[in-house]
C-alpha atoms as a PDB file:
ATOM      1  CA  UNK A   1     254.669  38.737 129.918  1.00  0.00           C
ATOM      2  CA  UNK A   2     257.156  38.883 127.051  1.00  0.00           C
ATOM      3  CA  UNK A   3     259.725  40.808 129.132  1.00  0.00           C
ATOM      4  CA  UNK A   4     260.024  37.925 131.643  1.00  0.00           C
ATOM      5  CA  UNK A   5     260.742  35.292 129.011  1.00  0.00           C
ATOM      6  CA  UNK A   6     264.530  35.947 128.811  1.00  0.00           C
ATOM      7  CA  UNK A   7     265.258  35.982 132.561  1.00  0.00           C
ATOM      8  CA  UNK A   8     262.915  33.047 133.138  1.00  0.00           C
ATOM      9  CA  UNK A   9     264.638  30.989 130.448  1.00  0.00           C
ATOM     10  CA  UNK A  10     268.051  31.880 131.888  1.00  0.00           C
ATOM     11  CA  UNK A  11     266.949  30.816 135.369  1.00  0.00           C
ATOM     12  CA  UNK A  12     265.546  27.540 134.047  1.00  0.00           C
ATOM     13  CA  UNK A  13     268.792  26.848 132.184  1.00  0.00           C
ATOM     14  CA  UNK A  14     270.862  27.614 135.292  1.00  0.00           C
ATOM     15  CA  UNK A  15     268.752  25.240 137.393  1.00  0.00           C
ATOM     16  CA  UNK A  16     269.069  22.507 134.770  1.00  0.00           C
ATOM     17  CA  UNK A  17     272.848  22.881 134.636  1.00  0.00           C
ATOM     18  CA  UNK A  18     273.070  22.765 138.431  1.00  0.00           C
ATOM     19  CA  UNK A  19     271.031  19.559 138.595  1.00  0.00           C
ATOM     20  CA  UNK A  20     273.128  18.009 135.826  1.00  0.00           C
ATOM     21  CA  UNK A  21     276.368  18.791 137.661  1.00  0.00           C
ATOM     22  CA  UNK A  22     275.009  17.239 140.873  1.00  0.00           C
ATOM     23  CA  UNK A  23     274.005  14.113 138.934  1.00  0.00           C
ATOM     24  CA  UNK A  24     277.461  13.811 137.323  1.00  0.00           C
ATOM     25  CA  UNK A  25     279.173  14.196 140.688  1.00  0.00           C
ATOM     26  CA  UNK A  26     277.062  11.388 142.105  1.00  0.00           C
ATOM     27  CA  UNK A  27     278.096   9.070 139.263  1.00  0.00           C
ATOM     28  CA  UNK A  28     281.766   9.835 139.825  1.00  0.00           C
ATOM     29  CA  UNK A  29     281.622   9.080 143.550  1.00  0.00           C
ATOM     30  CA  UNK A  30     283.674   6.262 145.029  1.00  0.00           C
ATOM     31  CA  UNK A  31     281.982   2.884 144.838  1.00  0.00           C
ATOM     32  CA  UNK A  32     282.282  -0.818 145.604  1.00  0.00           C
ATOM     33  CA  UNK A  33     281.943  -3.571 143.017  1.00  0.00           C
ATOM     34  CA  UNK A  34     281.112  -7.224 143.691  1.00  0.00           C
ATOM     35  CA  UNK A  35     283.452  -9.146 141.383  1.00  0.00           C
ATOM     36  CA  UNK A  36     282.173 -12.606 142.348  1.00  0.00           C
ATOM     37  CA  UNK A  37     279.881 -12.393 139.301  1.00  0.00           C
ATOM     38  CA  UNK A  38     282.115 -12.713 136.195  1.00  0.00           C
ATOM     39  CA  UNK A  39     280.623  -9.861 134.218  1.00  0.00           C
ATOM     40  CA  UNK A  40     282.005  -6.656 132.754  1.00  0.00           C
ATOM     41  CA  UNK A  41     281.862  -3.667 135.078  1.00  0.00           C
ATOM     42  CA  UNK A  42     281.868  -0.293 133.365  1.00  0.00           C
ATOM     43  CA  UNK A  43     282.696   2.952 135.102  1.00  0.00           C
ATOM     44  CA  UNK A  44     281.466   6.203 133.564  1.00  0.00           C
ATOM     45  CA  UNK A  45     282.847   9.489 134.817  1.00  0.00           C
ATOM     46  CA  UNK A  46     283.234  13.037 133.541  1.00  0.00           C
ATOM     47  CA  UNK A  47     286.395  14.035 131.711  1.00  0.00           C
ATOM     48  CA  UNK A  48     289.379  14.848 133.955  1.00  0.00           C
ATOM     49  CA  UNK A  49     287.744  13.248 136.994  1.00  0.00           C
ATOM     50  CA  UNK A  50     288.840  10.282 139.077  1.00  0.00           C
ATOM     51  CA  UNK A  51     287.030   7.537 140.926  1.00  0.00           C
ATOM     52  CA  UNK A  52     288.130   5.064 143.581  1.00  0.00           C
ATOM     53  CA  UNK A  53     286.674   1.588 143.244  1.00  0.00           C
ATOM     54  CA  UNK A  54     286.851  -1.062 145.943  1.00  0.00           C
ATOM     55  CA  UNK A  55     286.255  -4.715 145.117  1.00  0.00           C
ATOM     56  CA  UNK A  56     285.398  -7.659 147.350  1.00  0.00           C
ATOM     57  CA  UNK A  57     288.190  -9.956 146.084  1.00  0.00           C
ATOM     58  CA  UNK A  58     291.856  -9.869 145.128  1.00  0.00           C
ATOM     59  CA  UNK A  59     292.398  -8.682 141.555  1.00  0.00           C
ATOM     60  CA  UNK A  60     294.924 -10.156 139.171  1.00  0.00           C
ATOM     61  CA  UNK A  61     294.410  -8.060 136.031  1.00  0.00           C
ATOM     62  CA  UNK A  62     292.897  -4.672 135.296  1.00  0.00           C
ATOM     63  CA  UNK A  63     292.057  -3.897 131.684  1.00  0.00           C
ATOM     64  CA  UNK A  64     291.556  -0.380 130.343  1.00  0.00           C
ATOM     65  CA  UNK A  65     289.722  -0.239 127.024  1.00  0.00           C
ATOM     66  CA  UNK A  66     291.629   2.737 125.610  1.00  0.00           C
ATOM     67  CA  UNK A  67     294.720   3.996 127.429  1.00  0.00           C
ATOM     68  CA  UNK A  68     294.485   7.299 125.524  1.00  0.00           C
ATOM     69  CA  UNK A  69     291.232   8.006 127.354  1.00  0.00           C
ATOM     70  CA  UNK A  70     291.738   6.470 130.806  1.00  0.00           C
ATOM     71  CA  UNK A  71     294.230   4.659 132.969  1.00  0.00           C
ATOM     72  CA  UNK A  72     294.033   2.485 136.067  1.00  0.00           C
ATOM     73  CA  UNK A  73     296.393   2.603 139.002  1.00  0.00           C
ATOM     74  CA  UNK A  74     295.851  -0.131 141.599  1.00  0.00           C
ATOM     75  CA  UNK A  75     296.571   1.171 145.087  1.00  0.00           C
ATOM     76  CA  UNK A  76     296.248  -2.294 146.657  1.00  0.00           C
ATOM     77  CA  UNK A  77     295.308  -5.740 145.361  1.00  0.00           C
ATOM     78  CA  UNK A  78     291.696  -5.091 146.459  1.00  0.00           C
END
């Protein structure tokens, strides 16, 4: 039984990493935000990834918390 421990652990680790990468990709997917409720909307995404966000109203200002970490580029006013 001891000889299967290494390959079994490696397979379990590989499966865990695969599931984690699928979960991160789902979080980084494009999404829509309802901005009629005046609350803060946070977007979490993996490093060096992008996300497209659509909103249900015209935006006037977009604020980025730390421009060294992220930037925002409006493609339209929505």
